[in-house]
Amino acid sequence: QPYDGNPYNLFGRNTDSAQIRSSDSFRGGVTYRKNVFTFDAAVDYMKQGPSLFQPLTISGETMPIAFLRASIDLKTFNYFQFVGWLRTQKNRSKFMYHHRLQFPLFNKRCIVAINEIILNGSTTEDAQDDSLELRRYNIERKLEPVYLIPFIPYAFAEHYVGDQDNAIMSFDINVDLPFNLRWYGELFIDDFTPKIWSNDWGNKWALTSGMEHFGQLLHKPFVSQIEYTRIEPWVYTHFYGGSHRYTHYGSIIGSNIGPN
C-alpha cells in the first residue's frame, strides 16, 4: 500500500517479518481516541517513517516494545510522543523517549517530519572503557519526567538533566509525484554534536533514500522499487554500553544491516 502519512504501524499493521514472528511474541494494547487526540498503551512492534526496506529510526524488526503514546492530529501539523521501556540487561532499567513533529503539505502530497530521541538507563556490565565503567557502574536511572513534557526540545532537556544521555535526531520526507511516483528519504544523526560533518570518529549518521512507482505490466498491477542506504561506522553504538546503545533485546532498533 502507498505510504498514507501515518508514521507508525499501529496494532496489527506490521512489517512482513514482524507478522511472521507475531505468533511467538507477547503483544497487546488499548487505544483511546477523542477528537484530535489519540492515546495508546501497548506492547507491540513499532515501525516509523516512509522507508520501504531500511527505516533508520524505528524499523519494526526488534521484539515488541512496551510503550505509552499520545498524538495530536491537526490540519497544519501532527505531533506524536511516546516513552518506551527497553530491555538490555535483565535487572537494569532502560528507557526510550521519542517525539515527532510532522507537517503534511500540499494536501498530504508532501510530508516532512523531524524526530528527537533520548536513550538512557541504568549502567550495564559492558561499558566499553575501563575508566568509564569504574566511574559509572551501578548507576541507577529512573524515568526522567522532563522528557515527558510535550513540545520541549530534547536538546535542552538533556542539558537540563546533566548531559548524560544518548541524544538522537532524524528527519524524513515523503513526496507523492505525478505519474504514480513516490520519492522518500530519511537522515539519522546519532549522538548529535556540532562536529557531525567532520572527519571525527564520533561522526555518526545514516541515510536512506528511495523511489517507488505504481503502474501496470501486461495489464496487471506492477510496482517497481529502489532504495539506497548508507550507515557510517559506530552508528547505533554508545561508549556507555548497553544502557545507552540503540538496541532492544540485543537487536538494533533502527536498520537491521547495522553500522558501517
C-alpha atoms as a PDB file:
ATOM      1  CA  GLN A   1       0.000   0.000   0.000  1.00  0.00           C
ATOM      2  CA  PRO A   2       1.226   3.544  -0.691  1.00  0.00           C
ATOM      3  CA  TYR A   3       2.508   5.468   2.318  1.00  0.00           C
ATOM      4  CA  ASP A   4      -0.529   7.096   3.978  1.00  0.00           C
ATOM      5  CA  GLY A   5       1.290   9.631   6.148  1.00  0.00           C
ATOM      6  CA  ASN A   6       0.910   7.635   9.352  1.00  0.00           C
ATOM      7  CA  PRO A   7       4.458   7.449  10.736  1.00  0.00           C
ATOM      8  CA  TYR A   8       3.795   4.358  12.850  1.00  0.00           C
ATOM      9  CA  ASN A   9       2.475   0.908  12.210  1.00  0.00           C
ATOM     10  CA  LEU A  10      -0.442   0.566  14.591  1.00  0.00           C
ATOM     11  CA  PHE A  11      -1.628  -2.671  16.148  1.00  0.00           C
ATOM     12  CA  GLY A  12      -1.926  -5.445  13.580  1.00  0.00           C
ATOM     13  CA  ARG A  13      -0.173  -3.476  10.798  1.00  0.00           C
ATOM     14  CA  ASN A  14       3.436  -4.578  10.861  1.00  0.00           C
ATOM     15  CA  THR A  15       6.294  -5.414   8.545  1.00  0.00           C
ATOM     16  CA  ASP A  16       6.171  -8.844   6.913  1.00  0.00           C
ATOM     17  CA  SER A  17       8.940 -10.191   9.144  1.00  0.00           C
ATOM     18  CA  ALA A  18       7.129  -8.922  12.233  1.00  0.00           C
ATOM     19  CA  GLN A  19       3.929 -10.664  11.146  1.00  0.00           C
ATOM     20  CA  ILE A  20       5.831 -13.923  10.762  1.00  0.00           C
ATOM     21  CA  ARG A  21       7.173 -13.635  14.313  1.00  0.00           C
ATOM     22  CA  SER A  22       3.950 -12.361  15.883  1.00  0.00           C
ATOM     23  CA  SER A  23       2.773 -15.813  16.996  1.00  0.00           C
ATOM     24  CA  ASP A  24       5.940 -16.201  19.094  1.00  0.00           C
ATOM     25  CA  SER A  25       5.797 -12.794  20.824  1.00  0.00           C
ATOM     26  CA  PHE A  26       3.705 -11.200  23.519  1.00  0.00           C
ATOM     27  CA  ARG A  27       1.594  -8.380  22.029  1.00  0.00           C
ATOM     28  CA  GLY A  28      -1.420  -6.396  23.167  1.00  0.00           C
ATOM     29  CA  GLY A  29      -2.699  -2.913  23.839  1.00  0.00           C
ATOM     30  CA  VAL A  30      -5.545  -0.432  24.095  1.00  0.00           C
ATOM     31  CA  THR A  31      -6.271   2.767  22.161  1.00  0.00           C
ATOM     32  CA  TYR A  32      -8.474   5.712  23.135  1.00  0.00           C
ATOM     33  CA  ARG A  33      -9.450   8.413  20.596  1.00  0.00           C
ATOM     34  CA  LYS A  34     -11.199  11.699  21.306  1.00  0.00           C
ATOM     35  CA  ASN A  35     -11.468  14.359  18.604  1.00  0.00           C
ATOM     36  CA  VAL A  36      -7.892  15.131  17.523  1.00  0.00           C
ATOM     37  CA  PHE A  37      -6.255  13.205  20.389  1.00  0.00           C
ATOM     38  CA  THR A  38      -5.177   9.549  20.472  1.00  0.00           C
ATOM     39  CA  PHE A  39      -3.695   7.672  23.426  1.00  0.00           C
ATOM     40  CA  ASP A  40      -2.099   4.211  23.247  1.00  0.00           C
ATOM     41  CA  ALA A  41      -0.787   1.833  25.891  1.00  0.00           C
ATOM     42  CA  ALA A  42       0.653  -1.323  24.405  1.00  0.00           C
ATOM     43  CA  VAL A  43       3.326  -3.927  23.922  1.00  0.00           C
ATOM     44  CA  ASP A  44       3.751  -4.183  20.171  1.00  0.00           C
ATOM     45  CA  TYR A  45       6.037  -3.966  17.167  1.00  0.00           C
ATOM     46  CA  MET A  46       6.795  -0.421  16.057  1.00  0.00           C
ATOM     47  CA  LYS A  47       7.847   0.923  12.653  1.00  0.00           C
ATOM     48  CA  GLN A  48       8.219   4.570  11.729  1.00  0.00           C
ATOM     49  CA  GLY A  49       8.567   6.559   8.554  1.00  0.00           C
ATOM     50  CA  PRO A  50       8.163   6.112   4.798  1.00  0.00           C
ATOM     51  CA  SER A  51      11.175   3.867   4.041  1.00  0.00           C
ATOM     52  CA  LEU A  52      10.312   0.518   2.475  1.00  0.00           C
ATOM     53  CA  PHE A  53      13.258  -1.720   3.355  1.00  0.00           C
ATOM     54  CA  GLN A  54      15.644   0.018   5.775  1.00  0.00           C
ATOM     55  CA  PRO A  55      13.902   2.512   8.095  1.00  0.00           C
ATOM     56  CA  LEU A  56      16.689   4.084  10.122  1.00  0.00           C
ATOM     57  CA  THR A  57      14.848   5.316  13.228  1.00  0.00           C
ATOM     58  CA  ILE A  58      12.382   2.533  14.116  1.00  0.00           C
ATOM     59  CA  SER A  59      12.431  -0.426  11.739  1.00  0.00           C
ATOM     60  CA  GLY A  60       9.894  -2.805  13.292  1.00  0.00           C
ATOM     61  CA  GLU A  61      12.484  -5.585  13.295  1.00  0.00           C
ATOM     62  CA  THR A  62      13.036  -5.816  17.067  1.00  0.00           C
ATOM     63  CA  MET A  63      10.961  -7.594  19.677  1.00  0.00           C
ATOM     64  CA  PRO A  64       7.753  -5.764  20.723  1.00  0.00           C
ATOM     65  CA  ILE A  65       8.293  -2.624  22.807  1.00  0.00           C
ATOM     66  CA  ALA A  66       6.180  -1.688  25.834  1.00  0.00           C
ATOM     67  CA  PHE A  67       5.148   1.944  25.429  1.00  0.00           C
ATOM     68  CA  LEU A  68       2.774   4.774  26.245  1.00  0.00           C
ATOM     69  CA  ARG A  69       1.986   7.087  23.336  1.00  0.00           C
ATOM     70  CA  ALA A  70      -0.052  10.222  22.670  1.00  0.00           C
ATOM     71  CA  SER A  71      -0.708  12.094  19.437  1.00  0.00           C
ATOM     72  CA  ILE A  72      -2.416  15.258  18.216  1.00  0.00           C
ATOM     73  CA  ASP A  73      -3.722  15.296  14.637  1.00  0.00           C
ATOM     74  CA  LEU A  74      -4.307  18.821  13.325  1.00  0.00           C
ATOM     75  CA  LYS A  75      -4.585  20.136   9.772  1.00  0.00           C
ATOM     76  CA  THR A  76      -1.352  22.111   9.951  1.00  0.00           C
ATOM     77  CA  PHE A  77       0.775  19.599  11.849  1.00  0.00           C
ATOM     78  CA  ASN A  78       0.769  16.250  13.655  1.00  0.00           C
ATOM     79  CA  TYR A  79       2.571  15.690  16.949  1.00  0.00           C
ATOM     80  CA  PHE A  80       3.477  12.287  18.388  1.00  0.00           C
ATOM     81  CA  GLN A  81       5.184  11.500  21.684  1.00  0.00           C
ATOM     82  CA  PHE A  82       5.914   8.217  23.424  1.00  0.00           C
ATOM     83  CA  VAL A  83       8.022   6.647  26.124  1.00  0.00           C
ATOM     84  CA  GLY A  84       9.144   3.043  25.714  1.00  0.00           C
ATOM     85  CA  TRP A  85      10.622   0.504  28.119  1.00  0.00           C
ATOM     86  CA  LEU A  86      13.582  -1.271  26.526  1.00  0.00           C
ATOM     87  CA  ARG A  87      15.495  -4.376  27.610  1.00  0.00           C
ATOM     88  CA  THR A  88      19.261  -4.924  27.542  1.00  0.00           C
ATOM     89  CA  GLN A  89      20.192  -6.473  30.914  1.00  0.00           C
ATOM     90  CA  LYS A  90      17.504  -8.219  32.937  1.00  0.00           C
ATOM     91  CA  ASN A  91      17.948  -6.337  36.189  1.00  0.00           C
ATOM     92  CA  ARG A  92      18.676  -2.916  34.611  1.00  0.00           C
ATOM     93  CA  SER A  93      16.122  -0.311  33.535  1.00  0.00           C
ATOM     94  CA  LYS A  94      16.350   1.312  30.103  1.00  0.00           C
ATOM     95  CA  PHE A  95      14.129   3.961  28.530  1.00  0.00           C
ATOM     96  CA  MET A  96      13.446   5.426  25.100  1.00  0.00           C
ATOM     97  CA  TYR A  97      11.816   8.851  24.825  1.00  0.00           C
ATOM     98  CA  HIS A  98      10.619   9.978  21.409  1.00  0.00           C
ATOM     99  CA  HIS A  99       8.707  12.846  19.912  1.00  0.00           C
ATOM    100  CA  ARG A 100       7.901  13.627  16.309  1.00  0.00           C
ATOM    101  CA  LEU A 101       6.627  16.798  14.650  1.00  0.00           C
ATOM    102  CA  GLN A 102       5.140  16.144  11.226  1.00  0.00           C
ATOM    103  CA  PHE A 103       3.896  18.610   8.603  1.00  0.00           C
ATOM    104  CA  PRO A 104       1.505  17.468   5.840  1.00  0.00           C
ATOM    105  CA  LEU A 105       1.892  19.832   2.877  1.00  0.00           C
ATOM    106  CA  PHE A 106       0.093  20.245  -0.465  1.00  0.00           C
ATOM    107  CA  ASN A 107      -2.908  18.090   0.515  1.00  0.00           C
ATOM    108  CA  LYS A 108      -0.552  15.499   2.056  1.00  0.00           C
ATOM    109  CA  ARG A 109       1.338  15.054  -1.198  1.00  0.00           C
ATOM    110  CA  CYS A 110       4.443  16.056   0.751  1.00  0.00           C
ATOM    111  CA  ILE A 111       5.031  15.021   4.370  1.00  0.00           C
ATOM    112  CA  VAL A 112       8.054  16.380   6.242  1.00  0.00           C
ATOM    113  CA  ALA A 113       8.968  15.343   9.786  1.00  0.00           C
ATOM    114  CA  ILE A 114      11.599  15.862  12.464  1.00  0.00           C
ATOM    115  CA  ASN A 115      12.208  13.353  15.267  1.00  0.00           C
ATOM    116  CA  GLU A 116      14.083  13.616  18.542  1.00  0.00           C
ATOM    117  CA  ILE A 117      15.005  10.587  20.655  1.00  0.00           C
ATOM    118  CA  ILE A 118      16.691  10.125  24.026  1.00  0.00           C
ATOM    119  CA  LEU A 119      18.043   6.785  25.286  1.00  0.00           C
ATOM    120  CA  ASN A 120      19.200   6.228  28.842  1.00  0.00           C
ATOM    121  CA  GLY A 121      19.180   3.631  31.563  1.00  0.00           C
ATOM    122  CA  SER A 122      20.953   2.039  34.492  1.00  0.00           C
ATOM    123  CA  THR A 123      24.564   1.113  33.795  1.00  0.00           C
ATOM    124  CA  THR A 124      25.093  -2.365  32.364  1.00  0.00           C
ATOM    125  CA  GLU A 125      28.178  -4.545  32.725  1.00  0.00           C
ATOM    126  CA  ASP A 126      29.538  -3.904  29.218  1.00  0.00           C
ATOM    127  CA  ALA A 127      30.741  -0.273  29.334  1.00  0.00           C
ATOM    128  CA  GLN A 128      33.482  -0.102  26.700  1.00  0.00           C
ATOM    129  CA  ASP A 129      36.059   1.912  28.634  1.00  0.00           C
ATOM    130  CA  ASP A 130      37.506   0.743  31.968  1.00  0.00           C
ATOM    131  CA  SER A 131      37.618   4.214  33.489  1.00  0.00           C
ATOM    132  CA  LEU A 132      34.045   4.905  32.390  1.00  0.00           C
ATOM    133  CA  GLU A 133      32.929   1.571  33.778  1.00  0.00           C
ATOM    134  CA  LEU A 134      34.543   2.257  37.147  1.00  0.00           C
ATOM    135  CA  ARG A 135      33.000   5.722  37.228  1.00  0.00           C
ATOM    136  CA  ARG A 136      29.524   4.746  36.047  1.00  0.00           C
ATOM    137  CA  TYR A 137      28.945   1.161  37.131  1.00  0.00           C
ATOM    138  CA  ASN A 138      25.923   0.587  39.379  1.00  0.00           C
ATOM    139  CA  ILE A 139      24.410   3.961  38.493  1.00  0.00           C
ATOM    140  CA  GLU A 140      20.629   3.547  38.655  1.00  0.00           C
ATOM    141  CA  ARG A 141      18.452   5.629  36.338  1.00  0.00           C
ATOM    142  CA  LYS A 142      14.703   6.109  36.700  1.00  0.00           C
ATOM    143  CA  LEU A 143      12.158   7.661  34.370  1.00  0.00           C
ATOM    144  CA  GLU A 144      13.100  11.306  33.679  1.00  0.00           C
ATOM    145  CA  PRO A 145       9.934  13.474  33.996  1.00  0.00           C
ATOM    146  CA  VAL A 146      11.430  16.334  31.964  1.00  0.00           C
ATOM    147  CA  TYR A 147      11.452  14.133  28.848  1.00  0.00           C
ATOM    148  CA  LEU A 148       7.709  13.565  29.208  1.00  0.00           C
ATOM    149  CA  ILE A 149       6.788  17.246  28.770  1.00  0.00           C
ATOM    150  CA  PRO A 150       5.284  17.771  25.280  1.00  0.00           C
ATOM    151  CA  PHE A 151       6.986  20.036  22.731  1.00  0.00           C
ATOM    152  CA  ILE A 152      10.143  20.595  24.848  1.00  0.00           C
ATOM    153  CA  PRO A 153      13.217  20.045  22.590  1.00  0.00           C
ATOM    154  CA  TYR A 154      15.286  17.183  23.950  1.00  0.00           C
ATOM    155  CA  ALA A 155      18.489  19.107  23.204  1.00  0.00           C
ATOM    156  CA  PHE A 156      17.554  21.493  26.025  1.00  0.00           C
ATOM    157  CA  ALA A 157      16.028  18.824  28.264  1.00  0.00           C
ATOM    158  CA  GLU A 158      19.141  16.617  28.097  1.00  0.00           C
ATOM    159  CA  HIS A 159      21.333  19.569  29.095  1.00  0.00           C
ATOM    160  CA  TYR A 160      18.953  20.248  31.992  1.00  0.00           C
ATOM    161  CA  VAL A 161      19.476  16.734  33.412  1.00  0.00           C
ATOM    162  CA  GLY A 162      23.274  16.869  33.084  1.00  0.00           C
ATOM    163  CA  ASP A 163      24.253  15.845  29.508  1.00  0.00           C
ATOM    164  CA  GLN A 164      24.452  12.153  30.431  1.00  0.00           C
ATOM    165  CA  ASP A 165      22.142  10.584  27.834  1.00  0.00           C
ATOM    166  CA  ASN A 166      22.210   9.498  24.183  1.00  0.00           C
ATOM    167  CA  ALA A 167      20.529  12.216  22.098  1.00  0.00           C
ATOM    168  CA  ILE A 168      19.442  11.359  18.555  1.00  0.00           C
ATOM    169  CA  MET A 169      17.757  13.302  15.761  1.00  0.00           C
ATOM    170  CA  SER A 170      16.275  12.149  12.470  1.00  0.00           C
ATOM    171  CA  PHE A 171      14.447  13.719   9.565  1.00  0.00           C
ATOM    172  CA  ASP A 172      12.253  12.110   6.918  1.00  0.00           C
ATOM    173  CA  ILE A 173      10.309  13.230   3.879  1.00  0.00           C
ATOM    174  CA  ASN A 174       7.759  11.602   1.611  1.00  0.00           C
ATOM    175  CA  VAL A 175       6.700  13.154  -1.721  1.00  0.00           C
ATOM    176  CA  ASP A 176       3.930  11.841  -3.993  1.00  0.00           C
ATOM    177  CA  LEU A 177       4.614  12.983  -7.551  1.00  0.00           C
ATOM    178  CA  PRO A 178       2.552  12.749 -10.763  1.00  0.00           C
ATOM    179  CA  PHE A 179       2.644   9.563 -12.837  1.00  0.00           C
ATOM    180  CA  ASN A 180       2.148   7.379  -9.715  1.00  0.00           C
ATOM    181  CA  LEU A 181       5.665   8.059  -8.456  1.00  0.00           C
ATOM    182  CA  ARG A 182       6.720   8.317  -4.808  1.00  0.00           C
ATOM    183  CA  TRP A 183      10.060   9.600  -3.520  1.00  0.00           C
ATOM    184  CA  TYR A 184      11.241   9.422   0.092  1.00  0.00           C
ATOM    185  CA  GLY A 185      14.293   9.916   2.256  1.00  0.00           C
ATOM    186  CA  GLU A 186      15.466   9.670   5.861  1.00  0.00           C
ATOM    187  CA  LEU A 187      18.513  11.129   7.653  1.00  0.00           C
ATOM    188  CA  PHE A 188      19.537   9.728  11.047  1.00  0.00           C
ATOM    189  CA  ILE A 189      22.050  11.558  13.278  1.00  0.00           C
ATOM    190  CA  ASP A 190      23.216   9.529  16.280  1.00  0.00           C
ATOM    191  CA  ASP A 191      24.516  11.287  19.393  1.00  0.00           C
ATOM    192  CA  PHE A 192      24.077  14.711  17.802  1.00  0.00           C
ATOM    193  CA  THR A 193      27.082  17.046  18.161  1.00  0.00           C
ATOM    194  CA  PRO A 194      28.251  20.220  16.318  1.00  0.00           C
ATOM    195  CA  LYS A 195      31.069  18.196  14.684  1.00  0.00           C
ATOM    196  CA  ILE A 196      28.701  15.825  12.916  1.00  0.00           C
ATOM    197  CA  TRP A 197      30.029  16.634   9.411  1.00  0.00           C
ATOM    198  CA  SER A 198      33.716  16.491  10.384  1.00  0.00           C
ATOM    199  CA  ASN A 199      36.122  13.553   9.999  1.00  0.00           C
ATOM    200  CA  ASP A 200      35.949  12.804  13.720  1.00  0.00           C
ATOM    201  CA  TRP A 201      35.308   9.148  14.658  1.00  0.00           C
ATOM    202  CA  GLY A 202      32.187  10.293  16.501  1.00  0.00           C
ATOM    203  CA  ASN A 203      30.653  11.457  13.215  1.00  0.00           C
ATOM    204  CA  LYS A 204      27.685   9.067  13.328  1.00  0.00           C
ATOM    205  CA  TRP A 205      24.994   9.413  10.679  1.00  0.00           C
ATOM    206  CA  ALA A 206      22.960   7.270   8.310  1.00  0.00           C
ATOM    207  CA  LEU A 207      20.958   7.967   5.159  1.00  0.00           C
ATOM    208  CA  THR A 208      18.199   6.133   3.302  1.00  0.00           C
ATOM    209  CA  SER A 209      16.571   7.317   0.063  1.00  0.00           C
ATOM    210  CA  GLY A 210      14.338   5.591  -2.421  1.00  0.00           C
ATOM    211  CA  MET A 211      11.675   5.726  -5.105  1.00  0.00           C
ATOM    212  CA  GLU A 212       8.547   3.704  -5.795  1.00  0.00           C
ATOM    213  CA  HIS A 213       6.400   3.562  -8.935  1.00  0.00           C
ATOM    214  CA  PHE A 214       2.887   2.136  -9.230  1.00  0.00           C
ATOM    215  CA  GLY A 215       1.976   1.081 -12.746  1.00  0.00           C
ATOM    216  CA  GLN A 216       0.848  -1.776 -14.972  1.00  0.00           C
ATOM    217  CA  LEU A 217       2.655  -4.523 -16.859  1.00  0.00           C
ATOM    218  CA  LEU A 218       0.749  -6.721 -19.286  1.00  0.00           C
ATOM    219  CA  HIS A 219      -2.492  -5.201 -17.955  1.00  0.00           C
ATOM    220  CA  LYS A 220      -1.700  -6.246 -14.382  1.00  0.00           C
ATOM    221  CA  PRO A 221      -0.666  -4.095 -11.399  1.00  0.00           C
ATOM    222  CA  PHE A 222       3.101  -3.677 -11.272  1.00  0.00           C
ATOM    223  CA  VAL A 223       5.194  -1.926  -8.604  1.00  0.00           C
ATOM    224  CA  SER A 224       8.880  -1.071  -9.049  1.00  0.00           C
ATOM    225  CA  GLN A 225      11.041  -0.011  -6.111  1.00  0.00           C
ATOM    226  CA  ILE A 226      14.620   1.077  -5.494  1.00  0.00           C
ATOM    227  CA  GLU A 227      16.292   2.095  -2.235  1.00  0.00           C
ATOM    228  CA  TYR A 228      19.814   3.089  -1.156  1.00  0.00           C
ATOM    229  CA  THR A 229      21.064   3.036   2.445  1.00  0.00           C
ATOM    230  CA  ARG A 230      24.384   4.199   3.873  1.00  0.00           C
ATOM    231  CA  ILE A 231      25.277   3.805   7.566  1.00  0.00           C
ATOM    232  CA  GLU A 232      28.516   5.240   8.930  1.00  0.00           C
ATOM    233  CA  PRO A 233      30.712   3.357  11.454  1.00  0.00           C
ATOM    234  CA  TRP A 234      29.636   3.477  15.108  1.00  0.00           C
ATOM    235  CA  VAL A 235      26.019   4.444  14.356  1.00  0.00           C
ATOM    236  CA  TYR A 236      23.646   2.858  16.935  1.00  0.00           C
ATOM    237  CA  THR A 237      26.555   2.340  19.389  1.00  0.00           C
ATOM    238  CA  HIS A 238      27.493   4.233  22.572  1.00  0.00           C
ATOM    239  CA  PHE A 239      30.557   4.233  24.828  1.00  0.00           C
ATOM    240  CA  TYR A 240      28.380   3.917  27.965  1.00  0.00           C
ATOM    241  CA  GLY A 241      27.465   0.421  26.824  1.00  0.00           C
ATOM    242  CA  GLY A 242      24.080  -1.272  26.698  1.00  0.00           C
ATOM    243  CA  SER A 243      22.328   1.305  28.860  1.00  0.00           C
ATOM    244  CA  HIS A 244      22.609   3.884  26.051  1.00  0.00           C
ATOM    245  CA  ARG A 245      23.051   1.693  22.977  1.00  0.00           C
ATOM    246  CA  TYR A 246      20.298   1.893  20.341  1.00  0.00           C
ATOM    247  CA  THR A 247      19.139  -1.695  20.929  1.00  0.00           C
ATOM    248  CA  HIS A 248      16.252  -3.661  22.413  1.00  0.00           C
ATOM    249  CA  TYR A 249      16.757  -7.303  23.448  1.00  0.00           C
ATOM    250  CA  GLY A 250      20.110  -7.172  21.682  1.00  0.00           C
ATOM    251  CA  SER A 251      18.687  -6.085  18.296  1.00  0.00           C
ATOM    252  CA  ILE A 252      19.176  -2.653  16.734  1.00  0.00           C
ATOM    253  CA  ILE A 253      16.001  -0.566  16.864  1.00  0.00           C
ATOM    254  CA  GLY A 254      16.909   1.055  13.542  1.00  0.00           C
ATOM    255  CA  SER A 255      18.160  -0.560  10.338  1.00  0.00           C
ATOM    256  CA  ASN A 256      18.969  -4.246  10.806  1.00  0.00           C
ATOM    257  CA  ILE A 257      22.009  -4.080   8.495  1.00  0.00           C
ATOM    258  CA  GLY A 258      23.815  -2.305  11.343  1.00  0.00           C
ATOM    259  CA  PRO A 259      26.681   0.228  11.328  1.00  0.00           C
ATOM    260  CA  ASN A 260      29.493   0.536   8.789  1.00  0.00           C
END
